[in-house]
Amino acid sequence: MNENRKPSISVIIPVFNEEKTIQSTIESVCAYCDANGFPYEVVVVNDGSQDGTAGVVESLLGRYPMLRMLDNGINTGKGYAVRNGMLHATGDLALFMDADGSTKISELGKVLEKYTQGYGVIMGSRKIPGAYIAVHQPKFRELSGRMMNVFIRVATGLPFEDTQVGFKAFSRQARETIFPLQRTSRWIFDVELLVIAAQNRISVAEIPITWENNSNSRVKVVHLGRTIAELVIIRLNKMRGWYVKRS
């Protein structure tokens, strides 16, 4: 990569019934990228929303020429929506972020620092030094998250403290390897992406982020029972060698 050229950025935003939050998120992403001079695109993936989400996005298309929307037609799961967006992304670096704005686009500066150091995957974390939670989740959700992380680390061997933040970026080479191998469409697809990265020796960096719980969010709580079931499937897929890219 030419060090004097700013990398082009694709921001992928999966949405399901996010009419209350999506406009402000799109506006903040475009304002940030414009202010920093990044070549960019914003790809909203509508995952079968049944409210006015699609209409809100369509109303912004004329104002933001770098905005486009992919429509899954039916609800296929956040993992499928992210995969769809990533496979259609054109940027040197593609970031997916949640529509609720729980992690702000201003954290992109930290992502780019790691990208220029050669990391293939850069993931936001609420658990490493330097991270800050501005607004906490309800206690039961935080407890559930801690329990889930224990299961994830035991089942996969991944060393990360926080795999579930909806703020992850992938270089072009990394996403061309990872997303064609993705098999999980819901619940803990983030974990599968990281397992695939590890199986293909793709370097992963964690960055500390500022995160806040959004009471208007439609991002769902991950069900512990379903998490365990999907972890078993991911572990079996790994043992079968299904996560290794074939030449």
C-alpha atoms as a PDB file:
ATOM      1  CA  MET A   1       0.000   0.000   0.000  1.00  0.00           C
ATOM      2  CA  ASN A   2       1.264   3.498  -0.884  1.00  0.00           C
ATOM      3  CA  GLU A   3       1.925   5.097   2.503  1.00  0.00           C
ATOM      4  CA  ASN A   4       0.989   8.536   1.119  1.00  0.00           C
ATOM      5  CA  ARG A   5      -2.426   7.341  -0.005  1.00  0.00           C
ATOM      6  CA  LYS A   6      -5.259   7.047   2.457  1.00  0.00           C
ATOM      7  CA  PRO A   7      -6.888   3.609   2.255  1.00  0.00           C
ATOM      8  CA  SER A   8     -10.419   3.439   0.921  1.00  0.00           C
ATOM      9  CA  ILE A   9     -12.953   2.458   3.565  1.00  0.00           C
ATOM     10  CA  SER A  10     -16.139   0.413   3.303  1.00  0.00           C
ATOM     11  CA  VAL A  11     -18.425   0.795   6.323  1.00  0.00           C
ATOM     12  CA  ILE A  12     -20.912  -2.078   6.520  1.00  0.00           C
ATOM     13  CA  ILE A  13     -24.004  -1.509   8.673  1.00  0.00           C
ATOM     14  CA  PRO A  14     -26.341  -4.512   9.083  1.00  0.00           C
ATOM     15  CA  VAL A  15     -29.851  -3.411  10.044  1.00  0.00           C
ATOM     16  CA  PHE A  16     -33.011  -5.060  11.287  1.00  0.00           C
ATOM     17  CA  ASN A  17     -35.810  -2.728  12.418  1.00  0.00           C
ATOM     18  CA  GLU A  18     -33.438   0.171  13.157  1.00  0.00           C
ATOM     19  CA  GLU A  19     -35.582   3.085  11.967  1.00  0.00           C
ATOM     20  CA  LYS A  20     -34.920   4.979  15.221  1.00  0.00           C
ATOM     21  CA  THR A  21     -31.133   4.835  14.988  1.00  0.00           C
ATOM     22  CA  ILE A  22     -29.960   4.316  11.408  1.00  0.00           C
ATOM     23  CA  GLN A  23     -30.184   7.916  10.157  1.00  0.00           C
ATOM     24  CA  SER A  24     -27.977   9.369  12.882  1.00  0.00           C
ATOM     25  CA  THR A  25     -25.464   6.555  12.414  1.00  0.00           C
ATOM     26  CA  ILE A  26     -25.246   7.109   8.647  1.00  0.00           C
ATOM     27  CA  GLU A  27     -24.905  10.864   9.143  1.00  0.00           C
ATOM     28  CA  SER A  28     -22.111  10.469  11.682  1.00  0.00           C
ATOM     29  CA  VAL A  29     -20.195   7.992   9.495  1.00  0.00           C
ATOM     30  CA  CYS A  30     -20.379  10.229   6.425  1.00  0.00           C
ATOM     31  CA  ALA A  31     -19.464  13.351   8.403  1.00  0.00           C
ATOM     32  CA  TYR A  32     -16.424  11.651   9.937  1.00  0.00           C
ATOM     33  CA  CYS A  33     -15.132  10.214   6.661  1.00  0.00           C
ATOM     34  CA  ASP A  34     -15.693  13.494   4.801  1.00  0.00           C
ATOM     35  CA  ALA A  35     -13.889  15.467   7.509  1.00  0.00           C
ATOM     36  CA  ASN A  36     -10.896  13.121   7.415  1.00  0.00           C
ATOM     37  CA  GLY A  37     -10.665  12.880   3.643  1.00  0.00           C
ATOM     38  CA  PHE A  38     -11.126   9.118   3.334  1.00  0.00           C
ATOM     39  CA  PRO A  39     -12.324   7.625   0.067  1.00  0.00           C
ATOM     40  CA  TYR A  40     -15.297   5.681   1.414  1.00  0.00           C
ATOM     41  CA  GLU A  41     -18.611   3.972   0.899  1.00  0.00           C
ATOM     42  CA  VAL A  42     -21.380   3.139   3.351  1.00  0.00           C
ATOM     43  CA  VAL A  43     -23.164  -0.144   2.687  1.00  0.00           C
ATOM     44  CA  VAL A  44     -26.371  -0.652   4.669  1.00  0.00           C
ATOM     45  CA  VAL A  45     -27.565  -4.260   4.570  1.00  0.00           C
ATOM     46  CA  ASN A  46     -31.293  -4.407   5.278  1.00  0.00           C
ATOM     47  CA  ASP A  47     -31.937  -7.807   6.832  1.00  0.00           C
ATOM     48  CA  GLY A  48     -35.684  -8.067   6.317  1.00  0.00           C
ATOM     49  CA  SER A  49     -36.692  -5.052   8.418  1.00  0.00           C
ATOM     50  CA  GLN A  50     -40.436  -4.796   9.007  1.00  0.00           C
ATOM     51  CA  ASP A  51     -40.500  -1.168  10.127  1.00  0.00           C
ATOM     52  CA  GLY A  52     -39.499   1.983   8.260  1.00  0.00           C
ATOM     53  CA  THR A  53     -35.759   1.288   8.143  1.00  0.00           C
ATOM     54  CA  ALA A  54     -35.577   0.876   4.362  1.00  0.00           C
ATOM     55  CA  GLY A  55     -37.511   4.101   3.822  1.00  0.00           C
ATOM     56  CA  VAL A  56     -35.168   6.041   6.091  1.00  0.00           C
ATOM     57  CA  VAL A  57     -32.110   4.773   4.208  1.00  0.00           C
ATOM     58  CA  GLU A  58     -33.701   5.435   0.813  1.00  0.00           C
ATOM     59  CA  SER A  59     -34.461   9.019   1.862  1.00  0.00           C
ATOM     60  CA  LEU A  60     -30.729   9.585   2.420  1.00  0.00           C
ATOM     61  CA  LEU A  61     -29.451   8.163  -0.873  1.00  0.00           C
ATOM     62  CA  GLY A  62     -29.721  11.480  -2.696  1.00  0.00           C
ATOM     63  CA  ARG A  63     -27.858  13.338   0.042  1.00  0.00           C
ATOM     64  CA  TYR A  64     -24.990  10.848   0.322  1.00  0.00           C
ATOM     65  CA  PRO A  65     -23.712   9.564  -3.049  1.00  0.00           C
ATOM     66  CA  MET A  66     -21.415   7.042  -1.347  1.00  0.00           C
ATOM     67  CA  LEU A  67     -24.365   5.389   0.434  1.00  0.00           C
ATOM     68  CA  ARG A  68     -25.985   2.264  -0.964  1.00  0.00           C
ATOM     69  CA  MET A  69     -28.334  -0.360   0.398  1.00  0.00           C
ATOM     70  CA  LEU A  70     -28.394  -4.114  -0.078  1.00  0.00           C
ATOM     71  CA  ASP A  71     -31.697  -5.830   0.711  1.00  0.00           C
ATOM     72  CA  ASN A  72     -31.736  -9.420   1.933  1.00  0.00           C
ATOM     73  CA  GLY A  73     -35.505  -9.592   1.444  1.00  0.00           C
ATOM     74  CA  ILE A  74     -36.086 -11.725   4.526  1.00  0.00           C
ATOM     75  CA  ASN A  75     -34.439 -11.850   7.931  1.00  0.00           C
ATOM     76  CA  THR A  76     -31.411 -14.095   7.516  1.00  0.00           C
ATOM     77  CA  GLY A  77     -29.419 -13.159  10.611  1.00  0.00           C
ATOM     78  CA  LYS A  78     -26.788 -10.551  11.397  1.00  0.00           C
ATOM     79  CA  GLY A  79     -23.968 -12.871  10.370  1.00  0.00           C
ATOM     80  CA  TYR A  80     -25.437 -13.355   6.909  1.00  0.00           C
ATOM     81  CA  ALA A  81     -26.027  -9.617   6.562  1.00  0.00           C
ATOM     82  CA  VAL A  82     -22.425  -8.853   7.486  1.00  0.00           C
ATOM     83  CA  ARG A  83     -21.165 -11.492   5.058  1.00  0.00           C
ATOM     84  CA  ASN A  84     -23.301 -10.046   2.263  1.00  0.00           C
ATOM     85  CA  GLY A  85     -21.936  -6.578   2.913  1.00  0.00           C
ATOM     86  CA  MET A  86     -18.339  -7.747   3.112  1.00  0.00           C
ATOM     87  CA  LEU A  87     -18.563  -9.689  -0.148  1.00  0.00           C
ATOM     88  CA  HIS A  88     -19.896  -6.556  -1.872  1.00  0.00           C
ATOM     89  CA  ALA A  89     -17.402  -4.152  -0.258  1.00  0.00           C
ATOM     90  CA  THR A  90     -14.949  -2.350  -2.527  1.00  0.00           C
ATOM     91  CA  GLY A  91     -12.678  -0.676   0.030  1.00  0.00           C
ATOM     92  CA  ASP A  92      -9.117  -1.553   0.973  1.00  0.00           C
ATOM     93  CA  LEU A  93     -10.450  -1.916   4.509  1.00  0.00           C
ATOM     94  CA  ALA A  94     -14.010  -2.955   5.374  1.00  0.00           C
ATOM     95  CA  LEU A  95     -15.481  -2.275   8.809  1.00  0.00           C
ATOM     96  CA  PHE A  96     -18.791  -3.527  10.113  1.00  0.00           C
ATOM     97  CA  MET A  97     -20.467  -1.606  12.893  1.00  0.00           C
ATOM     98  CA  ASP A  98     -23.815  -1.805  14.656  1.00  0.00           C
ATOM     99  CA  ALA A  99     -26.578   0.547  13.566  1.00  0.00           C
ATOM    100  CA  ASP A 100     -27.274   1.633  17.137  1.00  0.00           C
ATOM    101  CA  GLY A 101     -24.049   3.631  17.370  1.00  0.00           C
ATOM    102  CA  SER A 102     -22.877   1.823  20.507  1.00  0.00           C
ATOM    103  CA  THR A 103     -19.354   2.213  19.134  1.00  0.00           C
ATOM    104  CA  LYS A 104     -18.736   5.518  17.383  1.00  0.00           C
ATOM    105  CA  ILE A 105     -17.109   5.810  13.975  1.00  0.00           C
ATOM    106  CA  SER A 106     -14.465   8.049  15.591  1.00  0.00           C
ATOM    107  CA  GLU A 107     -12.812   4.824  16.805  1.00  0.00           C
ATOM    108  CA  LEU A 108     -11.814   4.228  13.167  1.00  0.00           C
ATOM    109  CA  GLY A 109      -8.549   6.097  13.766  1.00  0.00           C
ATOM    110  CA  LYS A 110      -7.362   3.295  16.062  1.00  0.00           C
ATOM    111  CA  VAL A 111      -8.388   0.735  13.455  1.00  0.00           C
ATOM    112  CA  LEU A 112      -6.359   2.460  10.747  1.00  0.00           C
ATOM    113  CA  GLU A 113      -3.282   2.569  12.959  1.00  0.00           C
ATOM    114  CA  LYS A 114      -3.350  -1.227  13.281  1.00  0.00           C
ATOM    115  CA  TYR A 115      -4.201  -1.649   9.597  1.00  0.00           C
ATOM    116  CA  THR A 116      -1.099   0.289   8.557  1.00  0.00           C
ATOM    117  CA  GLN A 117       0.934  -2.006  10.827  1.00  0.00           C
ATOM    118  CA  GLY A 118      -0.180  -4.938   8.673  1.00  0.00           C
ATOM    119  CA  TYR A 119      -2.945  -6.559  10.732  1.00  0.00           C
ATOM    120  CA  GLY A 120      -5.594  -8.377   8.713  1.00  0.00           C
ATOM    121  CA  VAL A 121      -8.379  -8.182  11.309  1.00  0.00           C
ATOM    122  CA  ILE A 122      -8.866  -5.375  13.819  1.00  0.00           C
ATOM    123  CA  MET A 123     -11.526  -5.795  16.501  1.00  0.00           C
ATOM    124  CA  GLY A 124     -12.915  -3.462  19.113  1.00  0.00           C
ATOM    125  CA  SER A 125     -12.860  -4.597  22.739  1.00  0.00           C
ATOM    126  CA  ARG A 126     -14.531  -3.398  25.927  1.00  0.00           C
ATOM    127  CA  LYS A 127     -12.292  -5.526  28.129  1.00  0.00           C
ATOM    128  CA  ILE A 128      -8.688  -4.506  27.462  1.00  0.00           C
ATOM    129  CA  PRO A 129      -6.763  -1.616  29.071  1.00  0.00           C
ATOM    130  CA  GLY A 130      -7.835   1.733  27.688  1.00  0.00           C
ATOM    131  CA  ALA A 131     -11.417   0.670  26.955  1.00  0.00           C
ATOM    132  CA  TYR A 132     -14.279   2.599  28.510  1.00  0.00           C
ATOM    133  CA  ILE A 133     -17.951   1.742  28.923  1.00  0.00           C
ATOM    134  CA  ALA A 134     -19.866   5.027  29.011  1.00  0.00           C
ATOM    135  CA  VAL A 135     -23.280   3.430  29.572  1.00  0.00           C
ATOM    136  CA  HIS A 136     -23.445  -0.099  30.948  1.00  0.00           C
ATOM    137  CA  GLN A 137     -25.849  -2.835  29.959  1.00  0.00           C
ATOM    138  CA  PRO A 138     -28.260  -4.176  32.573  1.00  0.00           C
ATOM    139  CA  LYS A 139     -26.462  -6.396  35.073  1.00  0.00           C
ATOM    140  CA  PHE A 140     -28.011  -9.630  33.806  1.00  0.00           C
ATOM    141  CA  ARG A 141     -26.736  -8.922  30.282  1.00  0.00           C
ATOM    142  CA  GLU A 142     -23.230  -8.207  31.529  1.00  0.00           C
ATOM    143  CA  LEU A 143     -23.259 -11.415  33.584  1.00  0.00           C
ATOM    144  CA  SER A 144     -24.529 -13.389  30.598  1.00  0.00           C
ATOM    145  CA  GLY A 145     -21.762 -11.899  28.473  1.00  0.00           C
ATOM    146  CA  ARG A 146     -19.066 -12.936  30.949  1.00  0.00           C
ATOM    147  CA  MET A 147     -20.419 -16.479  31.109  1.00  0.00           C
ATOM    148  CA  MET A 148     -20.578 -16.677  27.334  1.00  0.00           C
ATOM    149  CA  ASN A 149     -16.985 -15.509  26.990  1.00  0.00           C
ATOM    150  CA  VAL A 150     -15.825 -18.350  29.230  1.00  0.00           C
ATOM    151  CA  PHE A 151     -17.582 -20.891  27.000  1.00  0.00           C
ATOM    152  CA  ILE A 152     -16.114 -19.277  23.884  1.00  0.00           C
ATOM    153  CA  ARG A 153     -12.540 -19.374  25.160  1.00  0.00           C
ATOM    154  CA  VAL A 154     -12.816 -22.978  26.320  1.00  0.00           C
ATOM    155  CA  ALA A 155     -14.480 -24.208  23.121  1.00  0.00           C
ATOM    156  CA  THR A 156     -12.310 -22.376  20.601  1.00  0.00           C
ATOM    157  CA  GLY A 157      -9.014 -21.586  22.275  1.00  0.00           C
ATOM    158  CA  LEU A 158      -9.332 -17.966  21.174  1.00  0.00           C
ATOM    159  CA  PRO A 159      -7.386 -15.688  23.543  1.00  0.00           C
ATOM    160  CA  PHE A 160      -9.639 -12.635  23.271  1.00  0.00           C
ATOM    161  CA  GLU A 161     -11.504 -11.106  26.194  1.00  0.00           C
ATOM    162  CA  ASP A 162     -14.369  -9.693  24.143  1.00  0.00           C
ATOM    163  CA  THR A 163     -15.424 -11.239  20.833  1.00  0.00           C
ATOM    164  CA  GLN A 164     -18.921  -9.779  20.574  1.00  0.00           C
ATOM    165  CA  VAL A 165     -18.481  -6.064  19.934  1.00  0.00           C
ATOM    166  CA  GLY A 166     -20.049  -5.041  16.635  1.00  0.00           C
ATOM    167  CA  PHE A 167     -16.983  -3.140  15.459  1.00  0.00           C
ATOM    168  CA  LYS A 168     -14.591  -5.262  13.412  1.00  0.00           C
ATOM    169  CA  ALA A 169     -12.517  -4.431  10.352  1.00  0.00           C
ATOM    170  CA  PHE A 170     -10.956  -6.641   7.687  1.00  0.00           C
ATOM    171  CA  SER A 171      -8.303  -5.975   5.082  1.00  0.00           C
ATOM    172  CA  ARG A 172      -9.152  -6.914   1.521  1.00  0.00           C
ATOM    173  CA  GLN A 173      -6.960 -10.018   1.679  1.00  0.00           C
ATOM    174  CA  ALA A 174      -8.413 -11.089   5.033  1.00  0.00           C
ATOM    175  CA  ARG A 175     -12.025 -10.792   3.967  1.00  0.00           C
ATOM    176  CA  GLU A 176     -11.367 -12.594   0.665  1.00  0.00           C
ATOM    177  CA  THR A 177     -10.154 -15.527   2.775  1.00  0.00           C
ATOM    178  CA  ILE A 178     -12.555 -15.399   5.718  1.00  0.00           C
ATOM    179  CA  PHE A 179     -16.040 -14.651   4.414  1.00  0.00           C
ATOM    180  CA  PRO A 180     -16.301 -17.348   1.717  1.00  0.00           C
ATOM    181  CA  LEU A 181     -15.596 -19.866   4.513  1.00  0.00           C
ATOM    182  CA  GLN A 182     -18.214 -18.464   6.918  1.00  0.00           C
ATOM    183  CA  ARG A 183     -21.020 -20.904   7.727  1.00  0.00           C
ATOM    184  CA  THR A 184     -22.792 -19.300  10.709  1.00  0.00           C
ATOM    185  CA  SER A 185     -25.488 -16.700  10.043  1.00  0.00           C
ATOM    186  CA  ARG A 186     -26.714 -15.791  13.526  1.00  0.00           C
ATOM    187  CA  TRP A 187     -25.809 -15.562  17.210  1.00  0.00           C
ATOM    188  CA  ILE A 188     -22.016 -15.921  17.435  1.00  0.00           C
ATOM    189  CA  PHE A 189     -20.839 -15.500  13.862  1.00  0.00           C
ATOM    190  CA  ASP A 190     -18.120 -13.137  15.195  1.00  0.00           C
ATOM    191  CA  VAL A 191     -16.469 -16.088  16.913  1.00  0.00           C
ATOM    192  CA  GLU A 192     -16.506 -18.122  13.720  1.00  0.00           C
ATOM    193  CA  LEU A 193     -14.827 -15.284  11.815  1.00  0.00           C
ATOM    194  CA  LEU A 194     -12.025 -15.176  14.385  1.00  0.00           C
ATOM    195  CA  VAL A 195     -11.606 -18.960  14.292  1.00  0.00           C
ATOM    196  CA  ILE A 196     -11.316 -18.815  10.499  1.00  0.00           C
ATOM    197  CA  ALA A 197      -8.723 -16.048  10.810  1.00  0.00           C
ATOM    198  CA  ALA A 198      -6.688 -18.153  13.244  1.00  0.00           C
ATOM    199  CA  GLN A 199      -6.909 -21.239  11.030  1.00  0.00           C
ATOM    200  CA  ASN A 200      -5.491 -19.238   8.111  1.00  0.00           C
ATOM    201  CA  ARG A 201      -2.799 -17.454  10.143  1.00  0.00           C
ATOM    202  CA  ILE A 202      -4.360 -14.038   9.655  1.00  0.00           C
ATOM    203  CA  SER A 203      -3.099 -11.568  12.243  1.00  0.00           C
ATOM    204  CA  VAL A 204      -5.702 -10.095  14.603  1.00  0.00           C
ATOM    205  CA  ALA A 205      -5.359  -6.942  16.696  1.00  0.00           C
ATOM    206  CA  GLU A 206      -7.598  -5.808  19.543  1.00  0.00           C
ATOM    207  CA  ILE A 207      -8.168  -2.104  20.110  1.00  0.00           C
ATOM    208  CA  PRO A 208      -9.681  -0.502  23.208  1.00  0.00           C
ATOM    209  CA  ILE A 209     -12.899   1.332  22.422  1.00  0.00           C
ATOM    210  CA  THR A 210     -15.410   3.572  24.101  1.00  0.00           C
ATOM    211  CA  TRP A 211     -18.741   1.769  24.090  1.00  0.00           C
ATOM    212  CA  GLU A 212     -22.194   2.628  25.353  1.00  0.00           C
ATOM    213  CA  ASN A 213     -25.393   0.660  25.670  1.00  0.00           C
ATOM    214  CA  ASN A 214     -28.195   2.098  23.538  1.00  0.00           C
ATOM    215  CA  SER A 215     -31.687   1.531  24.941  1.00  0.00           C
ATOM    216  CA  ASN A 216     -33.155   1.915  21.423  1.00  0.00           C
ATOM    217  CA  SER A 217     -30.948  -0.817  20.001  1.00  0.00           C
ATOM    218  CA  ARG A 218     -32.451  -3.786  18.173  1.00  0.00           C
ATOM    219  CA  VAL A 219     -29.237  -5.796  18.558  1.00  0.00           C
ATOM    220  CA  LYS A 220     -30.355  -8.912  20.375  1.00  0.00           C
ATOM    221  CA  VAL A 221     -29.043 -10.599  23.484  1.00  0.00           C
ATOM    222  CA  VAL A 222     -27.192 -13.756  22.521  1.00  0.00           C
ATOM    223  CA  HIS A 223     -28.998 -16.749  24.047  1.00  0.00           C
ATOM    224  CA  LEU A 224     -26.593 -18.853  26.128  1.00  0.00           C
ATOM    225  CA  GLY A 225     -28.082 -22.193  25.061  1.00  0.00           C
ATOM    226  CA  ARG A 226     -27.887 -21.314  21.383  1.00  0.00           C
ATOM    227  CA  THR A 227     -24.356 -20.057  21.917  1.00  0.00           C
ATOM    228  CA  ILE A 228     -23.255 -23.427  23.264  1.00  0.00           C
ATOM    229  CA  ALA A 229     -24.951 -25.257  20.383  1.00  0.00           C
ATOM    230  CA  GLU A 230     -23.255 -23.062  17.780  1.00  0.00           C
ATOM    231  CA  LEU A 231     -19.894 -23.369  19.534  1.00  0.00           C
ATOM    232  CA  VAL A 232     -20.166 -27.144  19.196  1.00  0.00           C
ATOM    233  CA  ILE A 233     -20.834 -26.740  15.473  1.00  0.00           C
ATOM    234  CA  ILE A 234     -17.902 -24.333  15.061  1.00  0.00           C
ATOM    235  CA  ARG A 235     -15.599 -26.716  16.916  1.00  0.00           C
ATOM    236  CA  LEU A 236     -16.680 -29.618  14.679  1.00  0.00           C
ATOM    237  CA  ASN A 237     -16.204 -27.527  11.537  1.00  0.00           C
ATOM    238  CA  LYS A 238     -12.714 -26.627  12.709  1.00  0.00           C
ATOM    239  CA  MET A 239     -11.853 -30.289  13.360  1.00  0.00           C
ATOM    240  CA  ARG A 240     -13.081 -31.201   9.863  1.00  0.00           C
ATOM    241  CA  GLY A 241     -10.775 -28.625   8.317  1.00  0.00           C
ATOM    242  CA  TRP A 242     -13.633 -26.626   6.823  1.00  0.00           C
ATOM    243  CA  TYR A 243     -12.149 -23.300   7.909  1.00  0.00           C
ATOM    244  CA  VAL A 244      -8.868 -23.591   5.998  1.00  0.00           C
ATOM    245  CA  LYS A 245      -8.656 -21.905   2.610  1.00  0.00           C
ATOM    246  CA  ARG A 246      -7.717 -24.337  -0.133  1.00  0.00           C
ATOM    247  CA  SER A 247      -5.279 -23.186  -2.794  1.00  0.00           C
END
